C-alpha atoms as a PDB file:
ATOM      1  CA  MET A   1     123.734  96.736 111.842  1.00  0.00           C
ATOM      2  CA  SER A   2     126.956  94.704 111.425  1.00  0.00           C
ATOM      3  CA  ARG A   3     126.934  93.922 115.252  1.00  0.00           C
ATOM      4  CA  ILE A   4     123.300  92.524 114.903  1.00  0.00           C
ATOM      5  CA  ILE A   5     124.324  90.415 111.835  1.00  0.00           C
ATOM      6  CA  ARG A   6     127.422  89.015 113.767  1.00  0.00           C
ATOM      7  CA  ASP A   7     125.109  88.174 116.757  1.00  0.00           C
ATOM      8  CA  ALA A   8     122.909  86.087 114.505  1.00  0.00           C
ATOM      9  CA  LEU A   9     125.668  84.444 112.750  1.00  0.00           C
ATOM     10  CA  LYS A  10     127.784  83.717 115.911  1.00  0.00           C
ATOM     11  CA  ASN A  11     125.842  80.726 117.106  1.00  0.00           C
ATOM     12  CA  GLY A  12     124.818  79.424 113.724  1.00  0.00           C
ATOM     13  CA  SER A  13     121.091  79.950 114.079  1.00  0.00           C
ATOM     14  CA  ALA A  14     120.829  82.270 111.070  1.00  0.00           C
ATOM     15  CA  VAL A  15     122.843  79.681 109.060  1.00  0.00           C
ATOM     16  CA  ILE A  16     120.243  76.928 110.141  1.00  0.00           C
ATOM     17  CA  LEU A  17     117.304  79.221 109.228  1.00  0.00           C
ATOM     18  CA  VAL A  18     118.800  79.959 105.636  1.00  0.00           C
ATOM     19  CA  LEU A  19     119.260  76.166 105.115  1.00  0.00           C
ATOM     20  CA  LEU A  20     115.659  75.374 106.257  1.00  0.00           C
ATOM     21  CA  VAL A  21     114.291  78.111 103.979  1.00  0.00           C
ATOM     22  CA  LEU A  22     116.245  76.700 101.092  1.00  0.00           C
ATOM     23  CA  LEU A  23     115.066  73.193 101.742  1.00  0.00           C
ATOM     24  CA  GLY A  24     111.379  74.462 102.018  1.00  0.00           C
ATOM     25  CA  ILE A  25     111.753  76.194  98.622  1.00  0.00           C
ATOM     26  CA  VAL A  26     113.091  73.008  96.963  1.00  0.00           C
ATOM     27  CA  PHE A  27     110.948  70.320  98.577  1.00  0.00           C
ATOM     28  CA  VAL A  28     107.704  71.882 100.007  1.00  0.00           C
ATOM     29  CA  ARG A  29     105.023  72.954  97.513  1.00  0.00           C
ATOM     30  CA  ASN A  30     103.709  76.545  97.922  1.00  0.00           C
ATOM     31  CA  PHE A  31     106.521  77.433 100.406  1.00  0.00           C
ATOM     32  CA  ALA A  32     108.161  79.882  98.081  1.00  0.00           C
ATOM     33  CA  SER A  33     105.397  82.510  97.826  1.00  0.00           C
ATOM     34  CA  VAL A  34     105.030  86.101  99.161  1.00  0.00           C
ATOM     35  CA  ASP A  35     101.774  85.022 101.027  1.00  0.00           C
ATOM     36  CA  ASN A  36     103.366  82.178 102.738  1.00  0.00           C
ATOM     37  CA  ALA A  37     106.247  84.367 103.832  1.00  0.00           C
ATOM     38  CA  ALA A  38     103.827  86.797 105.337  1.00  0.00           C
ATOM     39  CA  VAL A  39     102.103  83.986 107.058  1.00  0.00           C
ATOM     40  CA  ILE A  40     105.477  82.974 108.784  1.00  0.00           C
ATOM     41  CA  VAL A  41     106.176  86.545 109.689  1.00  0.00           C
ATOM     42  CA  ARG A  42     102.825  87.012 111.268  1.00  0.00           C
ATOM     43  CA  GLN A  43     103.062  83.736 113.163  1.00  0.00           C
ATOM     44  CA  SER A  44     106.539  84.566 114.467  1.00  0.00           C
ATOM     45  CA  ALA A  45     105.720  88.078 115.669  1.00  0.00           C
ATOM     46  CA  ILE A  46     104.010  87.163 119.072  1.00  0.00           C
ATOM     47  CA  PRO A  47     106.483  84.387 119.972  1.00  0.00           C
ATOM     48  CA  ALA A  48     109.239  86.854 119.312  1.00  0.00           C
ATOM     49  CA  ILE A  49     108.058  88.972 122.096  1.00  0.00           C
ATOM     50  CA  ALA A  50     107.768  86.164 124.526  1.00  0.00           C
ATOM     51  CA  VAL A  51     111.105  84.585 123.608  1.00  0.00           C
ATOM     52  CA  LEU A  52     112.936  87.789 124.879  1.00  0.00           C
ATOM     53  CA  GLY A  53     111.765  87.330 128.274  1.00  0.00           C
ATOM     54  CA  MET A  54     112.638  83.716 128.380  1.00  0.00           C
ATOM     55  CA  THR A  55     116.148  84.483 126.858  1.00  0.00           C
ATOM     56  CA  MET A  56     116.727  86.791 129.744  1.00  0.00           C
ATOM     57  CA  VAL A  57     115.607  84.234 132.361  1.00  0.00           C
ATOM     58  CA  LEU A  58     117.676  81.461 130.832  1.00  0.00           C
ATOM     59  CA  MET A  59     120.715  83.769 130.824  1.00  0.00           C
ATOM     60  CA  THR A  60     120.408  83.876 134.645  1.00  0.00           C
ATOM     61  CA  GLY A  61     120.478  80.135 134.786  1.00  0.00           C
ATOM     62  CA  GLY A  62     116.772  79.931 135.641  1.00  0.00           C
ATOM     63  CA  ILE A  63     113.703  78.989 133.657  1.00  0.00           C
ATOM     64  CA  ASP A  64     110.150  80.266 133.695  1.00  0.00           C
ATOM     65  CA  LEU A  65     107.508  77.449 133.163  1.00  0.00           C
ATOM     66  CA  SER A  66     104.735  79.897 134.031  1.00  0.00           C
ATOM     67  CA  LEU A  67     105.047  81.863 130.858  1.00  0.00           C
ATOM     68  CA  GLY A  68     102.293  80.170 128.877  1.00  0.00           C
ATOM     69  CA  PHE A  69      99.876  80.250 131.893  1.00  0.00           C
ATOM     70  CA  VAL A  70     100.658  84.002 132.095  1.00  0.00           C
ATOM     71  CA  VAL A  71      99.519  84.209 128.568  1.00  0.00           C
ATOM     72  CA  GLY A  72      96.184  82.594 129.385  1.00  0.00           C
ATOM     73  CA  LEU A  73      95.668  84.780 132.345  1.00  0.00           C
ATOM     74  CA  ALA A  74      96.389  87.836 130.400  1.00  0.00           C
ATOM     75  CA  SER A  75      94.047  86.788 127.656  1.00  0.00           C
ATOM     76  CA  THR A  76      91.277  86.056 130.164  1.00  0.00           C
ATOM     77  CA  ALA A  77      91.884  89.454 131.786  1.00  0.00           C
ATOM     78  CA  THR A  78      91.803  91.259 128.572  1.00  0.00           C
ATOM     79  CA  GLY A  79      88.478  89.783 127.618  1.00  0.00           C
ATOM     80  CA  PHE A  80      86.941  90.807 130.947  1.00  0.00           C
ATOM     81  CA  MET A  81      88.376  94.195 131.041  1.00  0.00           C
ATOM     82  CA  ALA A  82      87.655  95.165 127.347  1.00  0.00           C
ATOM     83  CA  LYS A  83      84.282  93.506 126.746  1.00  0.00           C
ATOM     84  CA  VAL A  84      82.662  92.591 130.101  1.00  0.00           C
ATOM     85  CA  TRP A  85      83.877  95.759 131.980  1.00  0.00           C
ATOM     86  CA  GLY A  86      84.111  98.072 129.057  1.00  0.00           C
ATOM     87  CA  LEU A  87      87.405  99.718 130.048  1.00  0.00           C
ATOM     88  CA  PRO A  88      89.270 101.977 127.626  1.00  0.00           C
ATOM     89  CA  VAL A  89      91.872 100.324 125.423  1.00  0.00           C
ATOM     90  CA  ASP A  90      94.788 102.014 126.953  1.00  0.00           C
ATOM     91  CA  LEU A  91      93.844 101.083 130.365  1.00  0.00           C
ATOM     92  CA  THR A  92      93.153  97.424 129.255  1.00  0.00           C
ATOM     93  CA  VAL A  93      96.679  97.159 127.737  1.00  0.00           C
ATOM     94  CA  ALA A  94      98.304  98.654 130.666  1.00  0.00           C
ATOM     95  CA  ALA A  95      96.496  96.466 133.198  1.00  0.00           C
ATOM     96  CA  ALA A  96      97.159  93.283 131.231  1.00  0.00           C
ATOM     97  CA  VAL A  97     100.966  93.954 131.283  1.00  0.00           C
ATOM     98  CA  LEU A  98     100.798  94.973 134.933  1.00  0.00           C
ATOM     99  CA  ILE A  99      99.194  91.619 135.866  1.00  0.00           C
ATOM    100  CA  GLY A 100     102.092  89.869 134.096  1.00  0.00           C
ATOM    101  CA  ALA A 101     104.563  92.110 135.981  1.00  0.00           C
ATOM    102  CA  LEU A 102     102.962  91.221 139.319  1.00  0.00           C
ATOM    103  CA  VAL A 103     103.354  87.526 138.506  1.00  0.00           C
ATOM    104  CA  GLY A 104     106.876  87.981 137.711  1.00  0.00           C
ATOM    105  CA  LEU A 105     107.559  89.867 140.801  1.00  0.00           C
ATOM    106  CA  VAL A 106     106.032  86.995 142.865  1.00  0.00           C
ATOM    107  CA  ASN A 107     108.103  84.445 140.926  1.00  0.00           C
ATOM    108  CA  GLY A 108     111.373  86.467 141.182  1.00  0.00           C
ATOM    109  CA  ALA A 109     110.867  87.138 144.977  1.00  0.00           C
ATOM    110  CA  ILE A 110     110.351  83.445 145.799  1.00  0.00           C
ATOM    111  CA  ILE A 111     113.284  82.329 143.677  1.00  0.00           C
ATOM    112  CA  GLN A 112     115.620  85.084 144.920  1.00  0.00           C
ATOM    113  CA  TYR A 113     114.757  85.474 148.535  1.00  0.00           C
ATOM    114  CA  MET A 114     113.277  82.001 149.576  1.00  0.00           C
ATOM    115  CA  LYS A 115     115.868  80.193 147.483  1.00  0.00           C
ATOM    116  CA  VAL A 116     113.195  77.927 145.811  1.00  0.00           C
ATOM    117  CA  PRO A 117     114.392  76.596 142.386  1.00  0.00           C
ATOM    118  CA  SER A 118     112.936  78.333 139.496  1.00  0.00           C
ATOM    119  CA  PHE A 119     111.719  75.078 137.892  1.00  0.00           C
ATOM    120  CA  ILE A 120     109.456  74.413 140.936  1.00  0.00           C
ATOM    121  CA  THR A 121     108.398  78.012 141.675  1.00  0.00           C
ATOM    122  CA  THR A 122     107.332  78.799 138.104  1.00  0.00           C
ATOM    123  CA  LEU A 123     105.578  75.353 137.566  1.00  0.00           C
ATOM    124  CA  GLY A 124     103.692  76.010 140.817  1.00  0.00           C
ATOM    125  CA  THR A 125     102.653  79.548 139.983  1.00  0.00           C
ATOM    126  CA  GLY A 126     101.881  78.472 136.471  1.00  0.00           C
ATOM    127  CA  TYR A 127      99.245  76.030 137.454  1.00  0.00           C
ATOM    128  CA  ILE A 128      97.873  78.558 140.170  1.00  0.00           C
ATOM    129  CA  LEU A 129      97.365  81.051 137.321  1.00  0.00           C
ATOM    130  CA  TYR A 130      95.672  78.527 135.101  1.00  0.00           C
ATOM    131  CA  GLY A 131      93.317  77.625 137.906  1.00  0.00           C
ATOM    132  CA  ILE A 132      92.582  81.203 138.473  1.00  0.00           C
ATOM    133  CA  SER A 133      91.825  81.691 134.704  1.00  0.00           C
ATOM    134  CA  GLN A 134      89.476  78.810 134.574  1.00  0.00           C
ATOM    135  CA  LEU A 135      87.634  79.806 137.698  1.00  0.00           C
ATOM    136  CA  VAL A 136      87.222  83.436 136.648  1.00  0.00           C
ATOM    137  CA  SER A 137      86.071  82.607 133.196  1.00  0.00           C
ATOM    138  CA  ALA A 138      84.272  79.293 134.138  1.00  0.00           C
ATOM    139  CA  GLY A 139      86.102  77.888 131.160  1.00  0.00           C
ATOM    140  CA  ASN A 140      84.168  80.145 128.671  1.00  0.00           C
ATOM    141  CA  VAL A 141      85.602  81.984 125.764  1.00  0.00           C
ATOM    142  CA  ILE A 142      84.949  85.687 125.322  1.00  0.00           C
ATOM    143  CA  THR A 143      84.490  86.557 121.618  1.00  0.00           C
ATOM    144  CA  ARG A 144      83.749  89.618 119.528  1.00  0.00           C
ATOM    145  CA  LEU A 145      86.019  91.923 121.283  1.00  0.00           C
ATOM    146  CA  PRO A 146      85.627  95.763 120.856  1.00  0.00           C
ATOM    147  CA  PRO A 147      86.950  96.906 117.551  1.00  0.00           C
ATOM    148  CA  SER A 148      89.075  99.495 119.244  1.00  0.00           C
ATOM    149  CA  LEU A 149      90.976  96.858 120.977  1.00  0.00           C
ATOM    150  CA  LEU A 150      91.363  94.738 117.822  1.00  0.00           C
ATOM    151  CA  ALA A 151      92.718  97.714 116.089  1.00  0.00           C
ATOM    152  CA  VAL A 152      95.781  97.586 118.403  1.00  0.00           C
ATOM    153  CA  GLY A 153      97.205  94.435 116.808  1.00  0.00           C
ATOM    154  CA  ARG A 154      95.186  93.882 113.536  1.00  0.00           C
ATOM    155  CA  THR A 155      95.515  97.201 111.729  1.00  0.00           C
ATOM    156  CA  ASP A 156      96.973  96.536 108.340  1.00  0.00           C
ATOM    157  CA  LEU A 157     100.283  98.526 107.480  1.00  0.00           C
ATOM    158  CA  LEU A 158     102.074  97.568 104.276  1.00  0.00           C
ATOM    159  CA  GLY A 159     100.477  94.240 104.264  1.00  0.00           C
ATOM    160  CA  LEU A 160     101.343  93.189 107.817  1.00  0.00           C
ATOM    161  CA  PRO A 161      99.378  93.664 111.068  1.00  0.00           C
ATOM    162  CA  THR A 162     100.422  96.181 113.613  1.00  0.00           C
ATOM    163  CA  SER A 163     101.549  93.298 115.981  1.00  0.00           C
ATOM    164  CA  VAL A 164     104.433  92.591 113.703  1.00  0.00           C
ATOM    165  CA  TYR A 165     105.570  96.253 114.097  1.00  0.00           C
ATOM    166  CA  ILE A 166     105.070  95.967 117.920  1.00  0.00           C
ATOM    167  CA  ALA A 167     107.212  92.887 117.992  1.00  0.00           C
ATOM    168  CA  LEU A 168     109.955  94.682 115.959  1.00  0.00           C
ATOM    169  CA  GLY A 169     110.070  97.564 118.394  1.00  0.00           C
ATOM    170  CA  ILE A 170     110.148  95.163 121.390  1.00  0.00           C
ATOM    171  CA  VAL A 171     112.953  93.213 119.776  1.00  0.00           C
ATOM    172  CA  ALA A 172     114.922  96.407 119.183  1.00  0.00           C
ATOM    173  CA  LEU A 173     114.487  97.461 122.739  1.00  0.00           C
ATOM    174  CA  GLY A 174     115.353  93.891 123.957  1.00  0.00           C
ATOM    175  CA  TRP A 175     118.541  93.988 121.897  1.00  0.00           C
ATOM    176  CA  PHE A 176     119.675  97.293 123.444  1.00  0.00           C
ATOM    177  CA  LEU A 177     118.844  95.973 126.881  1.00  0.00           C
ATOM    178  CA  ILE A 178     120.738  92.802 126.646  1.00  0.00           C
ATOM    179  CA  HIS A 179     123.617  93.743 124.497  1.00  0.00           C
ATOM    180  CA  ARG A 180     124.162  97.508 125.277  1.00  0.00           C
ATOM    181  CA  SER A 181     123.066  98.258 128.774  1.00  0.00           C
ATOM    182  CA  VAL A 182     124.390  97.671 132.312  1.00  0.00           C
ATOM    183  CA  PHE A 183     121.642  95.513 132.997  1.00  0.00           C
ATOM    184  CA  GLY A 184     122.474  93.140 130.156  1.00  0.00           C
ATOM    185  CA  ARG A 185     126.191  92.806 131.339  1.00  0.00           C
ATOM    186  CA  ALA A 186     124.914  92.132 134.863  1.00  0.00           C
ATOM    187  CA  LEU A 187     122.516  89.562 133.467  1.00  0.00           C
ATOM    188  CA  SER A 188     125.491  87.678 131.854  1.00  0.00           C
ATOM    189  CA  ALA A 189     127.701  88.095 134.863  1.00  0.00           C
ATOM    190  CA  PHE A 190     124.908  86.659 137.168  1.00  0.00           C
ATOM    191  CA  GLY A 191     124.334  83.746 134.870  1.00  0.00           C
ATOM    192  CA  PHE A 192     128.006  82.750 134.660  1.00  0.00           C
ATOM    193  CA  ASN A 193     128.757  83.071 138.431  1.00  0.00           C
ATOM    194  CA  SER A 194     126.054  84.589 140.631  1.00  0.00           C
ATOM    195  CA  ARG A 195     128.353  84.494 143.721  1.00  0.00           C
ATOM    196  CA  ALA A 196     131.342  86.258 141.891  1.00  0.00           C
ATOM    197  CA  ALA A 197     128.874  88.851 140.500  1.00  0.00           C
ATOM    198  CA  PHE A 198     127.616  89.607 143.977  1.00  0.00           C
ATOM    199  CA  LEU A 199     131.148  90.002 145.284  1.00  0.00           C
ATOM    200  CA  SER A 200     132.092  92.307 142.522  1.00  0.00           C
ATOM    201  CA  GLY A 201     129.373  94.726 143.682  1.00  0.00           C
ATOM    202  CA  LEU A 202     126.355  93.848 141.309  1.00  0.00           C
ATOM    203  CA  SER A 203     122.994  93.983 142.694  1.00  0.00           C
ATOM    204  CA  THR A 204     122.376  90.404 141.842  1.00  0.00           C
ATOM    205  CA  ALA A 205     119.078  90.269 143.759  1.00  0.00           C
ATOM    206  CA  ARG A 206     117.508  93.208 141.856  1.00  0.00           C
ATOM    207  CA  VAL A 207     118.818  91.810 138.509  1.00  0.00           C
ATOM    208  CA  ASN A 208     117.274  88.353 139.241  1.00  0.00           C
ATOM    209  CA  VAL A 209     113.856  89.722 140.267  1.00  0.00           C
ATOM    210  CA  LEU A 210     113.637  92.250 137.559  1.00  0.00           C
ATOM    211  CA  THR A 211     114.459  89.435 134.976  1.00  0.00           C
ATOM    212  CA  TYR A 212     111.347  87.529 135.998  1.00  0.00           C
ATOM    213  CA  VAL A 213     109.207  90.803 136.033  1.00  0.00           C
ATOM    214  CA  LEU A 214     110.179  91.582 132.513  1.00  0.00           C
ATOM    215  CA  CYS A 215     109.625  87.973 131.321  1.00  0.00           C
ATOM    216  CA  SER A 216     106.142  87.742 132.648  1.00  0.00           C
ATOM    217  CA  SER A 217     105.372  91.438 131.442  1.00  0.00           C
ATOM    218  CA  LEU A 218     106.359  90.347 127.840  1.00  0.00           C
ATOM    219  CA  ALA A 219     104.351  87.080 128.138  1.00  0.00           C
ATOM    220  CA  ALA A 220     101.229  89.184 129.251  1.00  0.00           C
ATOM    221  CA  LEU A 221     101.765  91.440 126.177  1.00  0.00           C
ATOM    222  CA  ALA A 222     102.063  88.382 124.020  1.00  0.00           C
ATOM    223  CA  GLY A 223      98.824  87.001 125.509  1.00  0.00           C
ATOM    224  CA  LEU A 224      97.138  90.260 124.795  1.00  0.00           C
ATOM    225  CA  LEU A 225      98.211  90.255 121.070  1.00  0.00           C
ATOM    226  CA  LEU A 226      97.285  86.640 120.793  1.00  0.00           C
ATOM    227  CA  THR A 227      93.803  87.549 122.010  1.00  0.00           C
ATOM    228  CA  ILE A 228      93.478  90.299 119.473  1.00  0.00           C
ATOM    229  CA  ARG A 229      94.747  88.089 116.769  1.00  0.00           C
ATOM    230  CA  VAL A 230      92.098  85.411 117.206  1.00  0.00           C
ATOM    231  CA  ASN A 231      89.459  87.822 118.464  1.00  0.00           C
ATOM    232  CA  ALA A 232      88.773  85.562 121.504  1.00  0.00           C
ATOM    233  CA  ALA A 233      89.905  85.479 125.190  1.00  0.00           C
ATOM    234  CA  GLN A 234      90.283  82.173 126.612  1.00  0.00           C
ATOM    235  CA  PRO A 235      92.010  80.685 129.635  1.00  0.00           C
ATOM    236  CA  ASN A 236      93.559  77.701 127.571  1.00  0.00           C
ATOM    237  CA  MET A 237      95.540  80.095 125.269  1.00  0.00           C
ATOM    238  CA  GLY A 238      99.249  79.615 125.805  1.00  0.00           C
ATOM    239  CA  GLY A 239      99.793  76.835 128.383  1.00  0.00           C
ATOM    240  CA  GLY A 240     102.489  74.239 128.541  1.00  0.00           C
ATOM    241  CA  VAL A 241     102.770  73.867 124.711  1.00  0.00           C
ATOM    242  CA  PHE A 242     103.434  77.556 124.127  1.00  0.00           C
ATOM    243  CA  THR A 243     106.001  77.644 126.942  1.00  0.00           C
ATOM    244  CA  PHE A 244     107.840  74.697 125.374  1.00  0.00           C
ATOM    245  CA  GLU A 245     107.806  76.348 122.074  1.00  0.00           C
ATOM    246  CA  ILE A 246     109.425  79.480 123.498  1.00  0.00           C
ATOM    247  CA  ILE A 247     111.994  77.546 125.439  1.00  0.00           C
ATOM    248  CA  THR A 248     112.828  75.618 122.304  1.00  0.00           C
ATOM    249  CA  ALA A 249     113.294  78.771 120.248  1.00  0.00           C
ATOM    250  CA  ALA A 250     115.567  80.420 122.790  1.00  0.00           C
ATOM    251  CA  ILE A 251     117.703  77.429 123.209  1.00  0.00           C
ATOM    252  CA  VAL A 252     117.873  76.790 119.244  1.00  0.00           C
ATOM    253  CA  GLY A 253     118.840  80.416 119.059  1.00  0.00           C
ATOM    254  CA  GLY A 254     121.949  79.826 121.120  1.00  0.00           C
ATOM    255  CA  THR A 255     120.864  80.679 124.620  1.00  0.00           C
ATOM    256  CA  SER A 256     122.394  78.303 127.178  1.00  0.00           C
ATOM    257  CA  LEU A 257     120.199  76.471 129.544  1.00  0.00           C
ATOM    258  CA  PHE A 258     122.953  76.660 132.010  1.00  0.00           C
ATOM    259  CA  GLY A 259     123.201  80.534 132.040  1.00  0.00           C
ATOM    260  CA  GLY A 260     125.438  83.320 131.058  1.00  0.00           C
ATOM    261  CA  VAL A 261     124.884  83.105 127.349  1.00  0.00           C
ATOM    262  CA  GLY A 262     122.107  84.584 125.253  1.00  0.00           C
ATOM    263  CA  SER A 263     121.439  86.598 122.086  1.00  0.00           C
ATOM    264  CA  VAL A 264     118.442  88.437 121.081  1.00  0.00           C
ATOM    265  CA  MET A 265     119.014  87.878 117.271  1.00  0.00           C
ATOM    266  CA  GLY A 266     119.870  84.355 117.971  1.00  0.00           C
ATOM    267  CA  SER A 267     116.405  83.859 119.655  1.00  0.00           C
ATOM    268  CA  LEU A 268     114.616  85.631 116.972  1.00  0.00           C
ATOM    269  CA  CYS A 269     116.171  83.195 114.490  1.00  0.00           C
ATOM    270  CA  GLY A 270     115.082  80.469 116.770  1.00  0.00           C
ATOM    271  CA  VAL A 271     111.620  81.495 116.634  1.00  0.00           C
ATOM    272  CA  LEU A 272     111.778  81.741 112.768  1.00  0.00           C
ATOM    273  CA  ILE A 273     113.171  78.194 112.678  1.00  0.00           C
ATOM    274  CA  ILE A 274     110.415  76.695 114.726  1.00  0.00           C
ATOM    275  CA  LYS A 275     107.841  78.510 112.790  1.00  0.00           C
ATOM    276  CA  VAL A 276     109.448  77.544 109.305  1.00  0.00           C
ATOM    277  CA  ILE A 277     109.284  73.916 110.376  1.00  0.00           C
ATOM    278  CA  GLU A 278     105.734  74.248 111.657  1.00  0.00           C
ATOM    279  CA  ASN A 279     104.823  75.941 108.386  1.00  0.00           C
ATOM    280  CA  CYS A 280     106.486  73.154 106.205  1.00  0.00           C
ATOM    281  CA  ILE A 281     104.743  70.449 108.109  1.00  0.00           C
ATOM    282  CA  ASN A 282     101.327  72.210 107.826  1.00  0.00           C
ATOM    283  CA  LEU A 283     101.852  72.647 103.982  1.00  0.00           C
ATOM    284  CA  MET A 284     102.820  68.991 103.678  1.00  0.00           C
ATOM    285  CA  ASN A 285      99.589  67.915 105.490  1.00  0.00           C
ATOM    286  CA  ILE A 286     101.510  66.101 108.135  1.00  0.00           C
ATOM    287  CA  SER A 287     100.044  65.650 111.730  1.00  0.00           C
ATOM    288  CA  TYR A 288     100.676  68.436 114.066  1.00  0.00           C
ATOM    289  CA  HIS A 289     101.804  65.938 116.521  1.00  0.00           C
ATOM    290  CA  LEU A 290     104.954  65.361 114.390  1.00  0.00           C
ATOM    291  CA  TYR A 291     105.609  69.039 114.927  1.00  0.00           C
ATOM    292  CA  LEU A 292     105.606  68.466 118.677  1.00  0.00           C
ATOM    293  CA  ALA A 293     107.876  65.509 118.350  1.00  0.00           C
ATOM    294  CA  VAL A 294     110.333  67.489 116.247  1.00  0.00           C
ATOM    295  CA  GLN A 295     110.319  70.251 118.897  1.00  0.00           C
ATOM    296  CA  GLY A 296     111.236  67.753 121.476  1.00  0.00           C
ATOM    297  CA  GLY A 297     113.951  66.233 119.434  1.00  0.00           C
ATOM    298  CA  ILE A 298     115.417  69.574 118.611  1.00  0.00           C
ATOM    299  CA  ILE A 299     115.522  70.886 122.246  1.00  0.00           C
ATOM    300  CA  LEU A 300     117.083  67.604 123.532  1.00  0.00           C
ATOM    301  CA  THR A 301     119.670  67.595 120.840  1.00  0.00           C
ATOM    302  CA  VAL A 302     120.590  71.175 121.491  1.00  0.00           C
ATOM    303  CA  ILE A 303     120.922  70.726 125.329  1.00  0.00           C
ATOM    304  CA  VAL A 304     123.046  67.708 124.891  1.00  0.00           C
ATOM    305  CA  MET A 305     125.312  69.540 122.534  1.00  0.00           C
ATOM    306  CA  ASP A 306     125.405  72.520 124.891  1.00  0.00           C
ATOM    307  CA  LYS A 307     126.361  70.276 127.784  1.00  0.00           C
ATOM    308  CA  ILE A 308     129.144  68.643 125.855  1.00  0.00           C
ATOM    309  CA  ARG A 309     130.431  72.048 124.801  1.00  0.00           C
ATOM    310  CA  SER A 310     130.408  73.428 128.380  1.00  0.00           C
ATOM    311  CA  ARG A 311     132.278  70.315 129.532  1.00  0.00           C
ATOM    312  CA  ALA A 312     134.817  70.694 126.798  1.00  0.00           C
ATOM    313  CA  ALA A 313     135.385  74.317 127.771  1.00  0.00           C
END
């Protein structure tokens, strides 16, 4: 537990989160309530799953701009499999995650073996996925999903939906994978210097491809849980706005855009920071567009600071 706390405090994201919460308590009406805290936790659960995958990709020095479009594809697929085709819940969940894994495999293979930059690769595949989702669904929204599927993420336990507990379990597994496994050490080594990592005997190709597979799989799981939360499958779910939010959360949490550095607890704090800001803006009845502008300002500031720090080192 002390290691987890140190990880959160190391990059300052936990301190920023505490300061934002204190400011919200003092200046934002209705912020300091149990119900509002539960709202923030519920809204943070699904992004917390997606941000783990993005954290790993950023640690390699890459980026995955298809993440939000994987969410939309997984949402559309979930609606068709669960309601239109009537597949069992376990098969629907497994198939949705498998779709994400296949997308990640394609992304990783193109980036690793064809040496196409991750920015171009994932942007291209993202729009391909968006087009497929729109064509398959004809732009329609599938509502009133089967209760058995909704129970996966909406069953209430101690005042919180099961999606929150699923997110906690995924975060715990992600922490072990990044901070306690051979894969996590290889991930950092690859991000710092891929050539040196290869010469030291690491299977850099396998690490790079697997990272994108994990990222898209987690994005697909997030898409499935988002579909369950709103009880509607739609191709427009996720998209560029969701991707940008996840990238912002990871970078605010201390993950370097230039590779080699990343923290699960830092990224989790980054998600909470973004959601606290969004929550305060909503409670103050300020336009949502200001939230988008704030996100842009935050990510630009953090990237510039990261660049200055890397040059100083």
